[in-house]
Amino acid sequence: MKNLMINGKPHSVEAPDTMPLLWALRDLLDFNGTKYGCGKGLCGACTVHVNGEAVRSCVTPISSLQNKEITTIEGADGNTLLKTVQEAWYDEDVPQCGYCQSGQIMNAAAFLSKNKNPDDDAINTAMNGNLCRCGTYVRVRRAIKKAAEKINGEQGSEN
């Protein structure tokens, strides 16, 4: 039995040590906001936070997560930064198909926790590993800037 802390609540799962967190989340715990993309940690669709850091859940074994806080997109309501990024995503109409968006939002929130006033180059570098087949990268960048403005308390700034 593995005990995982997800979105501030304890969850127990019966699974092998090597099971990727993604499958524990989706198949055993019904957290379906985290998506399967490539299964190799390359596309970012499966990004979640572990102790505030963006990680690829498809390549993270659940055995490595004891005593660590896991946050999924479903935890946005209880996380001010994550909720701010999610709202900026909606405001900027980022999603098209939406499949990659939970991973994009999770990565952006982890990035903004470290860089509260990013420029385009910093955003591009931070988001480089999150792929979007619809090509909404310009809107992603705008949403990240909008979230940063809100975090910093700036109003009406044009970027």
Protein backbone atom coordinates (compact mmCIF):
# COMPACT_ATOMS: atom_id res chain seq x y z
CA MET A 1 0.00 0.00 0.00
CA LYS A 2 1.37 3.42 -1.00
CA ASN A 3 0.26 6.51 0.86
CA LEU A 4 0.22 9.64 -1.28
CA MET A 5 -0.67 13.22 -0.34
CA ILE A 6 -2.56 14.67 -3.30
CA ASN A 7 -4.06 18.15 -3.33
CA GLY A 8 -3.74 18.31 0.44
CA LYS A 9 -5.54 15.03 1.14
CA PRO A 10 -4.15 11.57 1.89
CA HIS A 11 -4.80 8.76 -0.58
CA SER A 12 -3.80 5.10 -0.35
CA VAL A 13 -3.17 3.02 -3.44
CA GLU A 14 -2.34 -0.63 -3.93
CA ALA A 15 0.22 -0.60 -6.73
CA PRO A 16 3.72 -1.76 -7.60
CA ASP A 17 6.58 0.56 -6.60
CA THR A 18 7.46 1.13 -10.25
CA MET A 19 3.98 2.29 -11.29
CA PRO A 20 4.20 5.80 -12.77
CA LEU A 21 2.32 8.44 -10.81
CA LEU A 22 0.25 9.20 -13.93
CA TRP A 23 -1.37 5.76 -13.89
CA ALA A 24 -1.97 5.85 -10.14
CA LEU A 25 -3.65 9.23 -10.55
CA ARG A 26 -5.78 8.34 -13.57
CA ASP A 27 -6.50 4.63 -13.16
CA LEU A 28 -6.53 4.12 -9.40
CA LEU A 29 -7.57 7.49 -7.96
CA ASP A 30 -9.73 8.97 -10.76
CA PHE A 31 -7.73 12.21 -11.12
CA ASN A 32 -8.29 12.50 -14.86
CA GLY A 33 -7.16 16.10 -15.38
CA THR A 34 -3.57 14.93 -15.77
CA LYS A 35 -3.18 13.65 -19.33
CA TYR A 36 -1.13 10.94 -21.00
CA GLY A 37 0.86 12.28 -23.93
CA CYS A 38 4.07 10.50 -24.83
CA GLY A 39 4.79 8.26 -21.84
CA LYS A 40 8.46 9.28 -21.92
CA GLY A 41 8.43 12.64 -20.10
CA LEU A 42 9.00 14.60 -23.31
CA CYS A 43 5.72 16.39 -24.08
CA GLY A 44 4.61 17.77 -20.71
CA ALA A 45 0.94 16.78 -20.90
CA CYS A 46 1.31 14.81 -17.66
CA THR A 47 2.95 17.60 -15.63
CA VAL A 48 2.02 17.83 -11.95
CA HIS A 49 3.73 19.45 -8.96
CA VAL A 50 5.72 17.49 -6.41
CA ASN A 51 6.65 19.72 -3.48
CA GLY A 52 5.98 22.71 -5.76
CA GLU A 53 8.25 21.55 -8.59
CA ALA A 54 6.92 20.64 -12.04
CA VAL A 55 7.49 16.94 -12.74
CA ARG A 56 6.42 14.56 -15.47
CA SER A 57 4.10 12.09 -13.81
CA CYS A 58 4.46 9.52 -16.61
CA VAL A 59 8.08 8.82 -15.61
CA THR A 60 7.84 9.38 -11.84
CA PRO A 61 7.43 6.12 -9.90
CA ILE A 62 5.02 6.30 -6.99
CA SER A 63 7.67 4.76 -4.72
CA SER A 64 9.58 8.07 -4.92
CA LEU A 65 6.67 10.11 -3.58
CA GLN A 66 6.35 9.09 0.06
CA ASN A 67 6.15 12.17 2.34
CA LYS A 68 5.85 14.50 -0.65
CA GLU A 69 2.99 16.82 -1.60
CA ILE A 70 1.53 16.14 -5.04
CA THR A 71 -0.63 18.80 -6.68
CA THR A 72 -2.69 18.08 -9.78
CA ILE A 73 -4.80 20.43 -11.90
CA GLU A 74 -7.76 19.34 -9.76
CA GLY A 75 -6.06 21.10 -6.84
CA ALA A 76 -6.31 24.54 -8.48
CA ASP A 77 -9.15 25.74 -6.26
CA GLY A 78 -6.99 25.33 -3.16
CA ASN A 79 -3.87 26.90 -4.69
CA THR A 80 -3.89 30.66 -5.31
CA LEU A 81 -1.01 30.69 -7.80
CA LEU A 82 -2.38 27.75 -9.78
CA LYS A 83 -5.87 29.26 -9.81
CA THR A 84 -4.46 32.61 -11.00
CA VAL A 85 -2.68 30.90 -13.90
CA GLN A 86 -5.79 28.90 -14.75
CA GLU A 87 -7.91 32.08 -14.82
CA ALA A 88 -5.37 33.82 -17.08
CA TRP A 89 -5.58 30.80 -19.41
CA TYR A 90 -9.33 31.30 -19.70
CA ASP A 91 -9.02 35.09 -20.05
CA GLU A 92 -6.56 34.71 -22.92
CA ASP A 93 -8.57 31.90 -24.54
CA VAL A 94 -5.49 29.67 -24.66
CA PRO A 95 -6.98 26.20 -25.21
CA GLN A 96 -8.02 24.97 -28.58
CA CYS A 97 -8.33 21.20 -28.24
CA GLY A 98 -7.32 21.56 -24.58
CA TYR A 99 -5.51 18.26 -24.27
CA CYS A 100 -2.13 19.68 -23.21
CA GLN A 101 -3.51 22.51 -21.13
CA SER A 102 -3.41 20.97 -17.66
CA GLY A 103 0.29 20.19 -18.14
CA GLN A 104 0.91 23.65 -19.57
CA ILE A 105 -0.84 25.32 -16.62
CA MET A 106 1.01 23.20 -14.06
CA ASN A 107 4.38 23.99 -15.64
CA ALA A 108 3.55 27.71 -15.92
CA ALA A 109 2.53 27.90 -12.25
CA ALA A 110 5.75 26.22 -11.10
CA PHE A 111 7.72 28.63 -13.31
CA LEU A 112 5.89 31.69 -11.94
CA SER A 113 6.58 30.58 -8.38
CA LYS A 114 10.26 31.24 -9.14
CA ASN A 115 10.05 34.07 -11.69
CA LYS A 116 7.35 36.59 -10.86
CA ASN A 117 8.20 39.00 -13.68
CA PRO A 118 9.23 36.93 -16.72
CA ASP A 119 10.12 38.22 -20.15
CA ASP A 120 9.40 36.38 -23.41
CA ASP A 121 12.75 34.58 -23.46
CA ALA A 122 12.33 33.27 -19.91
CA ILE A 123 8.79 32.09 -20.67
CA ASN A 124 9.88 30.39 -23.90
CA THR A 125 12.72 28.63 -22.09
CA ALA A 126 10.54 27.53 -19.17
CA MET A 127 7.72 26.27 -21.38
CA ASN A 128 9.95 24.69 -24.03
CA GLY A 129 9.25 21.13 -22.86
CA ASN A 130 5.46 21.48 -23.00
CA LEU A 131 4.22 20.70 -26.48
CA CYS A 132 0.98 21.99 -27.96
CA ARG A 133 -0.11 20.42 -31.21
CA CYS A 134 -2.53 23.32 -31.77
CA GLY A 135 0.32 25.84 -31.58
CA THR A 136 -1.15 28.17 -28.96
CA TYR A 137 2.30 29.27 -27.77
CA VAL A 138 1.66 33.00 -28.29
CA ARG A 139 -1.50 32.78 -26.17
CA VAL A 140 0.36 30.72 -23.56
CA ARG A 141 2.96 33.47 -23.29
CA ARG A 142 0.24 36.14 -22.98
CA ALA A 143 -1.54 34.14 -20.26
CA ILE A 144 1.67 33.71 -18.28
CA LYS A 145 2.32 37.45 -18.46
CA LYS A 146 -1.25 38.17 -17.40
CA ALA A 147 -0.93 35.82 -14.43
CA ALA A 148 2.38 37.46 -13.48
CA GLU A 149 0.73 40.90 -13.58
CA LYS A 150 -2.07 39.71 -11.32
CA ILE A 151 0.40 38.08 -8.93
CA ASN A 152 2.40 41.31 -8.81
CA GLY A 153 -0.74 43.39 -8.29
CA GLU A 154 -0.35 45.31 -11.54
CA GLN A 155 -3.52 46.37 -13.30
CA GLY A 156 -4.04 47.39 -16.92
CA SER A 157 -0.45 46.73 -18.01
CA GLU A 158 -0.06 45.96 -21.70
CA ASN A 159 2.59 43.40 -22.71
